């Protein structure tokens, strides 16, 4: 079997496992520890509650993102097409799965090319940062962007997934200087994202100092890629070892709040285990500029564009309803609200920005 078809096989298995196996992290997102202080007199009209925002200088109809998920197979092409059509219709940004498959097999590039279906929304290309230790350079990173006509590139850091993944790449040493080189050479924004285990504030600061333009925390509470790889593994030792990591990572809420405290104005995406618009509103109040949705959208995209649009519309309504319920009409107001309280602290959290 060729290296190229190995990548296709892995991507197909990832989709099937995420759809049909139990792969959730035992940790929760931490968002359930926060509640909005209801405003009995919101003093606004619900019709005036707007989700419009900007991210990386681009105007968007919503503060929502289709998280980076898939590509590199025919099935993935159909999924990405449905997601892109729905995202364009609803004004969501669109993240793509790792474009590495397209770099190594030009015929797979079409599985990522969604710009024709989504001409106006931000599209974010994606590549594993670890590939910078395995022969990839600035050239390949920029080629990813060119192949899919992206507005930005995110480098994903997935160290824990790789050591459990059959045939994974284990050398994560001295990556930061190479990420810095990519940032310096690129004319478009370069971001960094985790894949479900979160990013701490110290790492975030180092990434910002290296020139990264945005960070996606991708915190714990949603899909665990250690669990996904456990289902792919034929090694009994790693299958058993994976059980010890069922609660590994930084919960999404913790990651968001700690980074926002360290970096008050830095572009931040909150994702990892977020399923509805109320959770999204909490994430924004904790510091997210955009909120990413993953596996729930993947499930809808295996059915139809209409299913994806319906899910997106529900999320949008839930978020607008939460905003109405605390008397804020804009995303800026939600970001600065003092009406979010923590069960653990038993006090109102004051506006952070």
Protein backbone atom coordinates (compact mmCIF):
# COMPACT_ATOMS: atom_id res chain seq x y z
CA UNK A 1 0.00 0.00 0.00
CA UNK A 2 1.38 3.43 -0.90
CA UNK A 3 1.97 6.22 1.57
CA UNK A 4 -0.71 8.26 -0.19
CA UNK A 5 -3.36 5.57 0.17
CA UNK A 6 -2.34 5.12 3.82
CA UNK A 7 -3.33 8.75 4.42
CA UNK A 8 -6.67 8.22 2.64
CA UNK A 9 -7.32 5.07 4.68
CA UNK A 10 -6.57 6.91 7.93
CA UNK A 11 -8.87 9.80 7.05
CA UNK A 12 -11.71 7.41 6.19
CA UNK A 13 -11.23 5.54 9.45
CA UNK A 14 -11.23 8.81 11.41
CA UNK A 15 -14.61 9.76 9.95
CA UNK A 16 -16.15 6.35 10.64
CA UNK A 17 -14.82 6.19 14.20
CA UNK A 18 -15.97 9.72 15.05
CA UNK A 19 -19.44 8.95 13.73
CA UNK A 20 -19.94 5.50 15.21
CA UNK A 21 -17.69 5.01 18.26
CA UNK A 22 -17.62 6.53 21.74
CA UNK A 23 -14.68 8.92 21.54
CA UNK A 24 -15.60 11.69 23.99
CA UNK A 25 -13.15 12.89 26.60
CA UNK A 26 -14.32 12.08 30.13
CA UNK A 27 -13.54 15.65 31.11
CA UNK A 28 -16.29 18.18 30.55
CA UNK A 29 -15.68 21.51 28.86
CA UNK A 30 -16.09 23.35 32.15
CA UNK A 31 -18.75 25.56 30.58
CA UNK A 32 -21.39 23.89 32.75
CA UNK A 33 -19.74 25.63 35.72
CA UNK A 34 -20.84 29.01 34.35
CA UNK A 35 -24.31 30.52 34.18
CA UNK A 36 -25.71 33.78 32.88
CA UNK A 37 -27.39 36.16 35.31
CA UNK A 38 -30.87 36.48 33.83
CA UNK A 39 -32.07 40.01 33.06
CA UNK A 40 -35.81 40.12 33.77
CA UNK A 41 -35.94 43.48 31.97
CA UNK A 42 -33.55 43.15 29.02
CA UNK A 43 -34.59 46.58 27.67
CA UNK A 44 -33.92 45.56 24.06
CA UNK A 45 -35.97 44.19 21.16
CA UNK A 46 -35.13 40.59 20.25
CA UNK A 47 -35.09 41.61 16.59
CA UNK A 48 -32.17 43.93 17.34
CA UNK A 49 -29.95 41.16 18.71
CA UNK A 50 -27.19 40.71 16.11
CA UNK A 51 -24.53 38.04 15.70
CA UNK A 52 -22.49 40.09 13.22
CA UNK A 53 -18.80 40.33 14.04
CA UNK A 54 -15.34 40.62 12.52
CA UNK A 55 -12.44 38.19 12.68
CA UNK A 56 -8.97 38.87 11.30
CA UNK A 57 -10.38 41.93 9.58
CA UNK A 58 -13.19 40.05 7.83
CA UNK A 59 -16.86 40.83 8.41
CA UNK A 60 -18.94 37.78 9.34
CA UNK A 61 -22.64 37.14 9.78
CA UNK A 62 -22.01 35.06 12.90
CA UNK A 63 -19.19 34.41 15.39
CA UNK A 64 -19.20 30.73 14.48
CA UNK A 65 -16.76 28.39 12.75
CA UNK A 66 -17.04 24.97 11.19
CA UNK A 67 -14.07 23.41 12.97
CA UNK A 68 -11.31 21.72 10.98
CA UNK A 69 -12.39 18.13 10.51
CA UNK A 70 -11.81 16.26 7.30
CA UNK A 71 -10.61 15.96 3.72
CA UNK A 72 -8.53 13.59 1.64
CA UNK A 73 -11.22 11.05 0.70
CA UNK A 74 -14.23 11.02 -1.61
CA UNK A 75 -16.56 10.79 1.37
CA UNK A 76 -14.76 13.75 2.93
CA UNK A 77 -15.24 15.74 -0.27
CA UNK A 78 -19.00 15.29 -0.02
CA UNK A 79 -18.95 16.27 3.66
CA UNK A 80 -16.83 19.36 3.04
CA UNK A 81 -19.07 20.44 0.17
CA UNK A 82 -22.20 20.24 2.32
CA UNK A 83 -20.51 22.06 5.18
CA UNK A 84 -19.26 24.80 2.86
CA UNK A 85 -22.65 25.38 1.22
CA UNK A 86 -24.30 25.62 4.63
CA UNK A 87 -21.55 27.85 6.06
CA UNK A 88 -21.85 30.25 3.14
CA UNK A 89 -25.63 30.36 3.54
CA UNK A 90 -25.42 31.13 7.27
CA UNK A 91 -22.26 33.26 7.40
CA UNK A 92 -20.05 30.83 9.33
CA UNK A 93 -16.29 30.58 8.80
CA UNK A 94 -15.03 27.22 7.51
CA UNK A 95 -12.03 25.24 8.70
CA UNK A 96 -10.66 22.38 6.62
CA UNK A 97 -9.04 19.15 7.72
CA UNK A 98 -5.30 18.68 7.23
CA UNK A 99 -4.39 19.53 3.63
CA UNK A 100 -1.34 17.28 3.79
CA UNK A 101 -3.16 14.61 1.79
CA UNK A 102 -3.57 17.06 -1.10
CA UNK A 103 0.10 18.05 -0.98
CA UNK A 104 1.15 14.43 -1.29
CA UNK A 105 -1.49 13.47 -3.87
CA UNK A 106 -2.69 16.23 -6.18
CA UNK A 107 -5.78 14.20 -7.09
CA UNK A 108 -7.01 14.58 -3.50
CA UNK A 109 -6.86 18.38 -3.63
CA UNK A 110 -10.43 18.47 -4.90
CA UNK A 111 -11.65 17.02 -1.60
CA UNK A 112 -10.63 20.29 0.06
CA UNK A 113 -11.61 22.80 -2.63
CA UNK A 114 -14.77 24.41 -1.34
CA UNK A 115 -14.22 28.03 -2.37
CA UNK A 116 -16.64 27.68 -5.31
CA UNK A 117 -19.35 26.79 -2.79
CA UNK A 118 -18.30 29.44 -0.28
CA UNK A 119 -17.10 32.55 -2.12
CA UNK A 120 -17.48 35.09 0.70
CA UNK A 121 -16.79 33.41 4.05
CA UNK A 122 -13.35 33.01 5.67
CA UNK A 123 -11.78 29.65 4.83
CA UNK A 124 -8.97 28.33 7.02
CA UNK A 125 -6.51 25.79 5.59
CA UNK A 126 -4.91 23.32 7.99
CA UNK A 127 -1.63 21.43 8.31
CA UNK A 128 0.03 19.50 11.12
CA UNK A 129 2.78 21.59 12.71
CA UNK A 130 4.84 18.45 13.31
CA UNK A 131 5.34 18.11 9.55
CA UNK A 132 7.81 20.99 9.85
CA UNK A 133 10.10 18.41 11.50
CA UNK A 134 9.56 15.90 8.69
CA UNK A 135 10.65 17.80 5.60
CA UNK A 136 7.88 20.36 5.21
CA UNK A 137 8.91 24.00 4.91
CA UNK A 138 7.37 27.41 4.41
CA UNK A 139 6.85 26.40 0.77
CA UNK A 140 4.47 23.56 1.64
CA UNK A 141 2.58 25.72 4.12
CA UNK A 142 1.96 28.41 1.54
CA UNK A 143 1.04 25.76 -1.03
CA UNK A 144 -1.74 24.58 1.31
CA UNK A 145 -3.23 28.05 1.26
CA UNK A 146 -2.93 28.32 -2.52
CA UNK A 147 -4.52 24.91 -3.17
CA UNK A 148 -7.73 25.74 -1.31
CA UNK A 149 -7.80 29.54 -1.82
CA UNK A 150 -7.78 30.04 1.93
CA UNK A 151 -7.83 33.26 3.93
CA UNK A 152 -5.64 31.84 6.70
CA UNK A 153 -3.65 28.76 7.67
CA UNK A 154 -3.83 27.00 11.01
CA UNK A 155 -1.07 24.66 12.13
CA UNK A 156 -2.49 21.98 14.38
CA UNK A 157 -0.49 20.63 17.32
CA UNK A 158 -1.52 17.08 18.18
CA UNK A 159 1.36 15.56 20.12
CA UNK A 160 -0.75 13.21 22.23
CA UNK A 161 -2.70 11.94 19.24
CA UNK A 162 0.50 11.22 17.31
CA UNK A 163 2.07 9.02 19.98
CA UNK A 164 -1.06 6.84 20.08
CA UNK A 165 -1.58 6.90 16.31
CA UNK A 166 -0.31 3.88 14.38
CA UNK A 167 2.69 5.19 12.44
CA UNK A 168 2.43 8.60 14.10
CA UNK A 169 5.09 11.32 14.02
CA UNK A 170 6.73 11.71 17.43
CA UNK A 171 9.33 14.47 16.98
CA UNK A 172 7.80 17.64 18.38
CA UNK A 173 11.17 19.12 19.32
CA UNK A 174 12.14 22.69 18.37
CA UNK A 175 8.92 23.39 16.48
CA UNK A 176 8.42 26.93 17.74
CA UNK A 177 11.27 28.49 15.68
CA UNK A 178 9.89 26.78 12.57
CA UNK A 179 6.40 28.08 13.28
CA UNK A 180 7.97 31.52 13.62
CA UNK A 181 9.60 31.14 10.19
CA UNK A 182 6.24 30.32 8.62
CA UNK A 183 4.63 33.35 10.28
CA UNK A 184 7.37 35.67 9.02
CA UNK A 185 7.16 34.36 5.46
CA UNK A 186 3.38 34.42 5.11
CA UNK A 187 1.29 37.34 3.88
CA UNK A 188 -1.84 35.80 5.37
CA UNK A 189 -2.64 35.05 9.03
CA UNK A 190 -1.07 31.93 10.52
CA UNK A 191 -2.81 30.37 13.51
CA UNK A 192 -2.18 27.44 15.82
CA UNK A 193 -4.80 25.04 17.17
CA UNK A 194 -4.89 22.04 19.45
CA UNK A 195 -7.08 19.07 18.57
CA UNK A 196 -9.00 18.55 21.79
CA UNK A 197 -6.58 18.86 24.71
CA UNK A 198 -6.40 22.64 25.07
CA UNK A 199 -3.67 25.28 25.13
CA UNK A 200 -2.37 26.92 28.30
CA UNK A 201 -1.65 30.62 28.69
CA UNK A 202 2.14 30.25 28.76
CA UNK A 203 2.15 28.32 25.49
CA UNK A 204 -0.21 30.91 24.02
CA UNK A 205 2.18 33.70 24.98
CA UNK A 206 5.09 31.89 23.31
CA UNK A 207 3.03 31.43 20.15
CA UNK A 208 2.11 35.11 20.07
CA UNK A 209 5.76 36.07 20.53
CA UNK A 210 6.57 33.80 17.56
CA UNK A 211 4.19 35.79 15.35
CA UNK A 212 1.04 33.68 15.36
CA UNK A 213 -2.05 35.71 14.37
CA UNK A 214 -4.73 33.65 16.15
CA UNK A 215 -5.13 30.63 18.43
CA UNK A 216 -7.85 27.98 18.55
CA UNK A 217 -7.80 26.51 22.06
CA UNK A 218 -9.60 23.29 21.00
CA UNK A 219 -10.00 22.33 24.64
CA UNK A 220 -10.93 19.11 26.38
CA UNK A 221 -14.57 18.16 26.70
CA UNK A 222 -15.30 16.98 23.19
CA UNK A 223 -13.65 14.40 20.95
CA UNK A 224 -10.51 12.76 22.35
CA UNK A 225 -8.15 11.87 19.53
CA UNK A 226 -6.39 9.45 21.84
CA UNK A 227 -9.69 7.54 21.93
CA UNK A 228 -10.02 7.77 18.15
CA UNK A 229 -6.54 6.31 17.66
CA UNK A 230 -7.23 3.62 20.28
CA UNK A 231 -9.96 2.31 18.00
CA UNK A 232 -7.50 2.22 15.07
CA UNK A 233 -4.65 0.61 16.98
CA UNK A 234 -3.68 -3.05 16.79
CA UNK A 235 -1.35 -2.71 19.79
CA UNK A 236 -2.97 -4.08 22.98
CA UNK A 237 -0.56 -2.07 25.14
CA UNK A 238 -1.61 1.26 23.59
CA UNK A 239 -5.28 0.31 23.65
CA UNK A 240 -5.02 -0.26 27.41
CA UNK A 241 -2.79 2.78 27.95
CA UNK A 242 -5.35 5.01 26.21
CA UNK A 243 -7.77 4.35 29.07
CA UNK A 244 -5.42 6.19 31.44
CA UNK A 245 -5.84 9.31 29.29
CA UNK A 246 -9.63 9.40 29.08
CA UNK A 247 -9.63 12.61 31.14
CA UNK A 248 -6.47 14.22 29.71
CA UNK A 249 -6.33 17.87 28.76
CA UNK A 250 -7.32 21.42 29.65
CA UNK A 251 -11.09 21.99 29.64
CA UNK A 252 -12.24 24.46 27.02
CA UNK A 253 -13.50 27.00 29.56
CA UNK A 254 -10.25 26.90 31.54
CA UNK A 255 -8.13 27.30 28.42
CA UNK A 256 -10.22 30.21 27.16
CA UNK A 257 -10.29 32.11 30.42
CA UNK A 258 -6.59 31.69 31.19
CA UNK A 259 -5.46 32.78 27.72
CA UNK A 260 -7.84 35.73 27.68
CA UNK A 261 -6.45 36.92 31.00
CA UNK A 262 -2.91 36.67 29.60
CA UNK A 263 -3.77 38.14 26.18
CA UNK A 264 -6.71 40.56 26.55
CA UNK A 265 -7.08 41.51 22.88
CA UNK A 266 -5.58 38.61 20.92
CA UNK A 267 -7.82 36.82 18.34
CA UNK A 268 -9.02 33.64 20.00
CA UNK A 269 -11.20 30.76 18.81
CA UNK A 270 -13.03 28.68 21.40
CA UNK A 271 -13.75 25.08 20.45
CA UNK A 272 -13.83 21.64 21.99
CA UNK A 273 -17.08 19.99 23.06
CA UNK A 274 -19.37 22.92 22.29
CA UNK A 275 -22.80 21.71 21.17
CA UNK A 276 -25.28 24.57 21.37
CA UNK A 277 -25.66 28.32 21.21
CA UNK A 278 -25.84 28.85 24.98
CA UNK A 279 -22.47 27.14 25.41
CA UNK A 280 -21.19 29.26 22.53
CA UNK A 281 -22.40 32.42 24.25
CA UNK A 282 -20.61 31.37 27.44
CA UNK A 283 -17.42 30.78 25.44
CA UNK A 284 -17.66 34.27 23.95
CA UNK A 285 -18.26 35.79 27.38
CA UNK A 286 -15.14 33.96 28.60
CA UNK A 287 -13.02 35.39 25.82
CA UNK A 288 -13.62 33.65 22.48
CA UNK A 289 -13.90 35.80 19.36
CA UNK A 290 -15.16 32.85 17.31
CA UNK A 291 -16.66 29.56 18.49
CA UNK A 292 -15.98 26.32 16.64
CA UNK A 293 -18.38 23.39 16.21
CA UNK A 294 -17.13 19.98 15.12
CA UNK A 295 -18.62 16.52 15.49
CA UNK A 296 -22.27 17.64 15.66
CA UNK A 297 -21.86 19.28 12.26
CA UNK A 298 -20.04 16.23 10.91
CA UNK A 299 -23.02 14.04 11.78
CA UNK A 300 -25.43 16.45 10.08
CA UNK A 301 -23.21 16.69 6.99
CA UNK A 302 -23.47 12.96 6.39
CA UNK A 303 -27.19 13.55 5.80
CA UNK A 304 -27.78 16.75 3.83
CA UNK A 305 -27.05 20.44 3.48
CA UNK A 306 -30.50 21.10 4.92
CA UNK A 307 -29.62 19.20 8.11
CA UNK A 308 -26.47 21.29 8.53
CA UNK A 309 -28.34 24.55 7.91
CA UNK A 310 -31.04 23.56 10.40
CA UNK A 311 -28.44 22.83 13.07
CA UNK A 312 -26.69 26.14 12.38
CA UNK A 313 -29.97 28.05 12.58
CA UNK A 314 -30.73 26.44 15.94
CA UNK A 315 -27.29 27.36 17.31
CA UNK A 316 -27.75 30.94 16.10
CA UNK A 317 -31.18 31.22 17.72
CA UNK A 318 -29.89 29.79 21.00
CA UNK A 319 -27.03 32.26 21.10
CA UNK A 320 -29.27 35.21 20.25
CA UNK A 321 -31.78 34.08 22.89
CA UNK A 322 -29.02 33.90 25.51
CA UNK A 323 -27.89 37.40 24.56
CA UNK A 324 -31.47 38.66 24.79
CA UNK A 325 -31.79 36.98 28.18
CA UNK A 326 -28.94 39.07 29.61
CA UNK A 327 -29.86 42.26 27.77
CA UNK A 328 -27.03 42.53 25.23
CA UNK A 329 -27.66 43.12 21.54
CA UNK A 330 -24.16 42.74 20.05
CA UNK A 331 -21.26 40.32 20.15
CA UNK A 332 -19.13 43.15 21.53
CA UNK A 333 -21.60 43.47 24.39
CA UNK A 334 -21.53 39.73 25.01
CA UNK A 335 -17.71 39.76 25.08
CA UNK A 336 -17.73 42.46 27.77
CA UNK A 337 -20.68 41.25 29.83
CA UNK A 338 -20.52 41.14 33.61
CA UNK A 339 -23.51 38.80 33.74
CA UNK A 340 -21.66 35.47 33.73
CA UNK A 341 -21.15 33.80 37.07
CA UNK A 342 -19.16 30.77 38.12
CA UNK A 343 -20.51 28.09 40.45
CA UNK A 344 -17.05 27.59 41.90
CA UNK A 345 -16.43 31.24 42.65
CA UNK A 346 -20.01 32.13 43.57
CA UNK A 347 -19.54 35.63 42.25
CA UNK A 348 -20.21 37.60 39.12
CA UNK A 349 -17.35 37.69 36.63
CA UNK A 350 -16.72 41.25 35.53
CA UNK A 351 -16.14 42.26 31.93
CA UNK A 352 -12.73 41.25 30.65
CA UNK A 353 -12.38 43.43 27.57
